[in-house]
Each structure stands twice: as C-alpha cells, then as structure tokens.
C-alpha cells in the first residue's frame, strides 16, 4: 500500500510539472474559461483541514474508472485545494471534506453551440454554455477548425453528511490540435480558473483569462 501511495504521489508530481511547463510555454494559446460556482455560505473551514478526493469520478459522461486524463485533472485540483490551505489526508486517514471531480471532453466544428449544463447547490441553479469566450477560432486556410469543448466539475462535500458545501464548473473551447488541448495544460488552466478568488460569488458566471 505504501509503495502504491508513493508511486501515485510521484505520478501527481510528474503531472503537475508537465502542466507548469506547458503553461509557461503556451499561456497565450489558452482561451478564456467560463466559470460558475455555487455555495450556500462562504466555506469556513480552518487552514489545515483535511480532504480526500473520491477515487471515482462524479456521475456523467466521464463516469467510470479513473483514466490517465482524469488523473491530470485530479492532480490539478489537488494543487488548487492545497493553495486554499487544505491538506490532503493520508490513505488511512478520515477527512471531514470529500472532493469529487469530473471532466468532459467533446469535439465539434467551431461556432457550434453546446447545450447549457445545469448545476446547483442547495436548490440554487444556473447554466453553462452561454458562449463567453467560446467557439472562437477559424482556419484561415478554409473551413472552421474542429474545437474541443473542455469542462471540469468539482464538488466539495461534508464527508459526514454527504451534503454539498461548494460546487463549480469551468468550461472552455480550444482547437483540437492546439497545445492547449493537451490534458495536462487543459486541466491546470481549468482548475486554476475554477478556484480563482475562491469560493467566488455564488451563482455568477465569469470569464477568466
């Protein structure tokens, strides 16, 4: 078990390092991210509060066994949670916070509209896909580029009650062949945007450069 935990940590470090290098070299290639967060009250956990990330993704198109790409998103979210002063729990340690992660990737021609996606915490609801900073990018050589719609969803639950404390989703669209579509870079960008000015204004959709 200890060996597996060490290997997993080494994998996360490698993923984070790759994301940092990608962000440094291709920052200008990453389009704005549309972000919406929901919470009933500003989370009041103390610095050092332990959290655990669920091993299974949130329900949705990406549900199932974690993949290499899902691990990129998990590593990126892990980094952002620790920047908020939270601490990852050990493998045999109970944590008061349970974090659930999901990502979605789909492809379509540039300019095509995606259907709104609803999300809410405690009865508050909102939608994504308003088109802020999305669907931009045409191939000057003729015809529209194929775009990848990328979406990261994160929910932080009270582990004891299962009640959602904070929930958010980040959405962007990038050309399929662009460096920004690489999992490590996409995950780092979406996670950074999602946790910008955490916890964020509940119910408001913003565009993060």
Protein backbone atom coordinates (compact mmCIF):
# COMPACT_ATOMS: atom_id res chain seq x y z
CA UNK A 1 0.00 0.00 0.00
CA UNK A 2 2.82 2.38 0.92
CA UNK A 3 4.55 1.60 -2.39
CA UNK A 4 1.33 2.30 -4.34
CA UNK A 5 0.82 5.58 -2.47
CA UNK A 6 4.40 6.64 -3.21
CA UNK A 7 4.00 5.79 -6.90
CA UNK A 8 0.73 7.76 -7.05
CA UNK A 9 2.40 10.80 -5.48
CA UNK A 10 5.25 10.57 -7.98
CA UNK A 11 2.69 10.44 -10.80
CA UNK A 12 0.97 13.59 -9.45
CA UNK A 13 4.31 15.41 -9.22
CA UNK A 14 5.10 14.49 -12.82
CA UNK A 15 1.68 15.66 -14.00
CA UNK A 16 1.98 18.96 -12.14
CA UNK A 17 5.47 19.54 -13.53
CA UNK A 18 4.23 18.89 -17.07
CA UNK A 19 1.34 21.30 -16.55
CA UNK A 20 3.66 24.01 -15.24
CA UNK A 21 5.96 23.67 -18.24
CA UNK A 22 3.02 23.73 -20.64
CA UNK A 23 1.54 26.82 -19.01
CA UNK A 24 4.89 28.59 -19.18
CA UNK A 25 5.37 27.90 -22.87
CA UNK A 26 1.81 28.14 -24.19
CA UNK A 27 -0.05 30.55 -21.92
CA UNK A 28 -1.05 32.81 -24.80
CA UNK A 29 -2.64 29.84 -26.59
CA UNK A 30 -5.15 29.13 -23.81
CA UNK A 31 -8.52 30.84 -24.37
CA UNK A 32 -10.67 32.35 -21.58
CA UNK A 33 -12.52 29.99 -19.24
CA UNK A 34 -16.18 30.38 -18.31
CA UNK A 35 -16.62 29.67 -14.58
CA UNK A 36 -19.66 29.38 -12.33
CA UNK A 37 -19.64 28.46 -8.63
CA UNK A 38 -22.41 27.70 -6.14
CA UNK A 39 -22.42 27.61 -2.34
CA UNK A 40 -24.93 28.36 0.39
CA UNK A 41 -22.43 30.23 2.54
CA UNK A 42 -18.74 31.03 2.43
CA UNK A 43 -16.92 27.80 3.43
CA UNK A 44 -15.49 28.32 6.90
CA UNK A 45 -13.01 25.50 7.31
CA UNK A 46 -9.78 26.29 9.10
CA UNK A 47 -6.37 26.16 7.39
CA UNK A 48 -5.03 22.64 7.60
CA UNK A 49 -8.44 20.97 7.27
CA UNK A 50 -8.02 17.53 5.73
CA UNK A 51 -9.70 16.50 2.49
CA UNK A 52 -9.89 13.31 0.46
CA UNK A 53 -10.51 13.09 -3.27
CA UNK A 54 -13.03 10.43 -4.27
CA UNK A 55 -11.42 7.67 -6.34
CA UNK A 56 -14.44 7.52 -8.67
CA UNK A 57 -15.38 10.49 -10.90
CA UNK A 58 -18.67 12.33 -10.49
CA UNK A 59 -21.62 10.86 -12.38
CA UNK A 60 -21.66 11.94 -16.00
CA UNK A 61 -20.13 11.17 -19.42
CA UNK A 62 -16.73 10.56 -17.82
CA UNK A 63 -18.01 8.34 -15.01
CA UNK A 64 -16.24 5.04 -14.53
CA UNK A 65 -12.73 4.01 -13.64
CA UNK A 66 -10.24 6.91 -13.43
CA UNK A 67 -8.15 7.34 -16.58
CA UNK A 68 -4.76 8.94 -17.21
CA UNK A 69 -6.56 12.12 -18.33
CA UNK A 70 -8.77 12.10 -15.21
CA UNK A 71 -5.62 11.84 -13.10
CA UNK A 72 -4.34 15.02 -14.77
CA UNK A 73 -7.47 16.83 -13.59
CA UNK A 74 -7.20 15.27 -10.15
CA UNK A 75 -3.59 16.45 -9.80
CA UNK A 76 -4.54 19.97 -10.90
CA UNK A 77 -7.44 20.17 -8.43
CA UNK A 78 -5.21 18.74 -5.70
CA UNK A 79 -2.79 21.62 -6.22
CA UNK A 80 -5.54 24.25 -6.09
CA UNK A 81 -7.06 22.81 -2.91
CA UNK A 82 -3.70 22.99 -1.18
CA UNK A 83 -3.35 26.61 -2.27
CA UNK A 84 -6.56 27.24 -0.32
CA UNK A 85 -4.85 25.97 2.83
CA UNK A 86 -6.36 22.49 2.80
CA UNK A 87 -4.26 19.38 3.39
CA UNK A 88 -4.61 16.03 1.63
CA UNK A 89 -5.50 13.23 4.03
CA UNK A 90 -3.36 10.11 4.24
CA UNK A 91 -4.53 6.82 2.74
CA UNK A 92 -5.86 5.51 6.08
CA UNK A 93 -6.95 8.87 7.50
CA UNK A 94 -10.53 10.09 7.72
CA UNK A 95 -11.12 13.56 6.29
CA UNK A 96 -14.05 15.91 7.00
CA UNK A 97 -14.15 17.02 3.35
CA UNK A 98 -14.78 14.76 0.37
CA UNK A 99 -13.91 16.18 -3.06
CA UNK A 100 -15.49 14.79 -6.21
CA UNK A 101 -14.11 15.54 -9.67
CA UNK A 102 -15.34 15.00 -13.22
CA UNK A 103 -14.25 16.22 -16.62
CA UNK A 104 -15.88 16.16 -20.02
CA UNK A 105 -14.33 16.48 -23.48
CA UNK A 106 -16.30 16.68 -26.72
CA UNK A 107 -15.48 17.83 -30.25
CA UNK A 108 -17.44 19.89 -32.77
CA UNK A 109 -16.96 22.46 -35.53
CA UNK A 110 -16.09 25.97 -34.34
CA UNK A 111 -19.15 28.14 -33.83
CA UNK A 112 -21.47 25.26 -32.98
CA UNK A 113 -23.44 25.92 -29.80
CA UNK A 114 -23.35 23.50 -26.91
CA UNK A 115 -26.38 22.78 -24.78
CA UNK A 116 -26.46 24.54 -21.39
CA UNK A 117 -25.42 22.42 -18.44
CA UNK A 118 -27.23 22.95 -15.15
CA UNK A 119 -25.67 22.71 -11.72
CA UNK A 120 -26.73 23.80 -8.27
CA UNK A 121 -26.12 23.52 -4.55
CA UNK A 122 -28.96 23.63 -2.04
CA UNK A 123 -31.60 24.48 -4.59
CA UNK A 124 -29.68 27.25 -6.37
CA UNK A 125 -29.30 26.55 -10.06
CA UNK A 126 -27.51 28.02 -13.02
CA UNK A 127 -26.41 27.11 -16.52
CA UNK A 128 -23.20 26.93 -18.50
CA UNK A 129 -22.60 27.32 -22.19
CA UNK A 130 -23.58 30.97 -22.62
CA UNK A 131 -20.74 31.35 -25.10
CA UNK A 132 -18.46 33.68 -23.13
CA UNK A 133 -15.10 33.36 -24.84
CA UNK A 134 -16.16 30.16 -26.61
CA UNK A 135 -16.47 28.99 -30.19
CA UNK A 136 -13.76 31.33 -31.47
CA UNK A 137 -11.18 30.15 -33.98
CA UNK A 138 -11.45 29.64 -37.70
CA UNK A 139 -8.94 28.08 -40.03
CA UNK A 140 -7.77 30.80 -42.42
CA UNK A 141 -6.83 28.08 -44.86
CA UNK A 142 -10.51 27.36 -45.44
CA UNK A 143 -13.26 25.95 -43.24
CA UNK A 144 -13.75 26.03 -39.48
CA UNK A 145 -11.38 24.31 -37.09
CA UNK A 146 -12.63 21.42 -35.02
CA UNK A 147 -12.92 22.57 -31.43
CA UNK A 148 -12.67 20.59 -28.20
CA UNK A 149 -15.16 21.59 -25.51
CA UNK A 150 -13.46 21.01 -22.15
CA UNK A 151 -15.31 21.06 -18.85
CA UNK A 152 -14.12 20.47 -15.29
CA UNK A 153 -16.61 19.88 -12.47
CA UNK A 154 -15.70 19.84 -8.78
CA UNK A 155 -17.90 19.33 -5.73
CA UNK A 156 -16.77 19.56 -2.11
CA UNK A 157 -18.99 17.60 0.29
CA UNK A 158 -19.25 17.33 4.04
CA UNK A 159 -17.95 13.77 4.33
CA UNK A 160 -20.09 13.01 7.39
CA UNK A 161 -23.44 14.10 5.91
CA UNK A 162 -22.82 13.92 2.18
CA UNK A 163 -24.16 17.46 1.82
CA UNK A 164 -22.57 19.64 -0.85
CA UNK A 165 -20.70 22.62 0.59
CA UNK A 166 -19.30 24.08 -2.63
CA UNK A 167 -19.71 23.23 -6.29
CA UNK A 168 -18.40 24.66 -9.51
CA UNK A 169 -17.71 24.05 -13.17
CA UNK A 170 -15.22 25.55 -15.59
CA UNK A 171 -15.71 25.44 -19.36
CA UNK A 172 -13.60 26.41 -22.36
CA UNK A 173 -13.18 25.52 -26.03
CA UNK A 174 -9.87 25.11 -27.83
CA UNK A 175 -8.81 23.90 -31.28
CA UNK A 176 -8.40 20.13 -31.14
CA UNK A 177 -4.81 20.27 -32.39
CA UNK A 178 -3.75 23.22 -30.23
CA UNK A 179 -1.26 22.71 -27.36
CA UNK A 180 -3.98 23.99 -25.01
CA UNK A 181 -6.00 20.83 -25.71
CA UNK A 182 -3.33 18.66 -24.08
CA UNK A 183 -4.72 17.11 -20.86
CA UNK A 184 -2.01 18.46 -18.54
CA UNK A 185 -2.37 22.03 -19.77
CA UNK A 186 -6.17 21.95 -20.03
CA UNK A 187 -6.51 20.53 -16.52
CA UNK A 188 -4.15 23.11 -14.99
CA UNK A 189 -5.90 26.02 -16.74
CA UNK A 190 -9.44 24.92 -15.86
CA UNK A 191 -8.58 24.15 -12.23
CA UNK A 192 -6.79 27.48 -11.78
CA UNK A 193 -9.76 29.37 -13.23
CA UNK A 194 -12.28 27.40 -11.17
CA UNK A 195 -10.58 28.23 -7.87
CA UNK A 196 -9.73 31.85 -8.72
CA UNK A 197 -10.85 34.12 -5.83
CA UNK A 198 -12.26 31.05 -4.07
CA UNK A 199 -15.06 30.49 -3.13
CA UNK A 200 -16.32 33.00 -5.70
CA UNK A 201 -19.68 34.73 -5.93
CA UNK A 202 -22.42 32.10 -5.80
CA UNK A 203 -24.50 31.80 -8.95
CA UNK A 204 -22.45 34.27 -11.01
CA UNK A 205 -20.78 33.24 -14.28
CA UNK A 206 -17.45 34.93 -15.00
CA UNK A 207 -14.87 34.76 -17.79
CA UNK A 208 -11.34 34.10 -16.53
CA UNK A 209 -8.50 35.00 -18.96
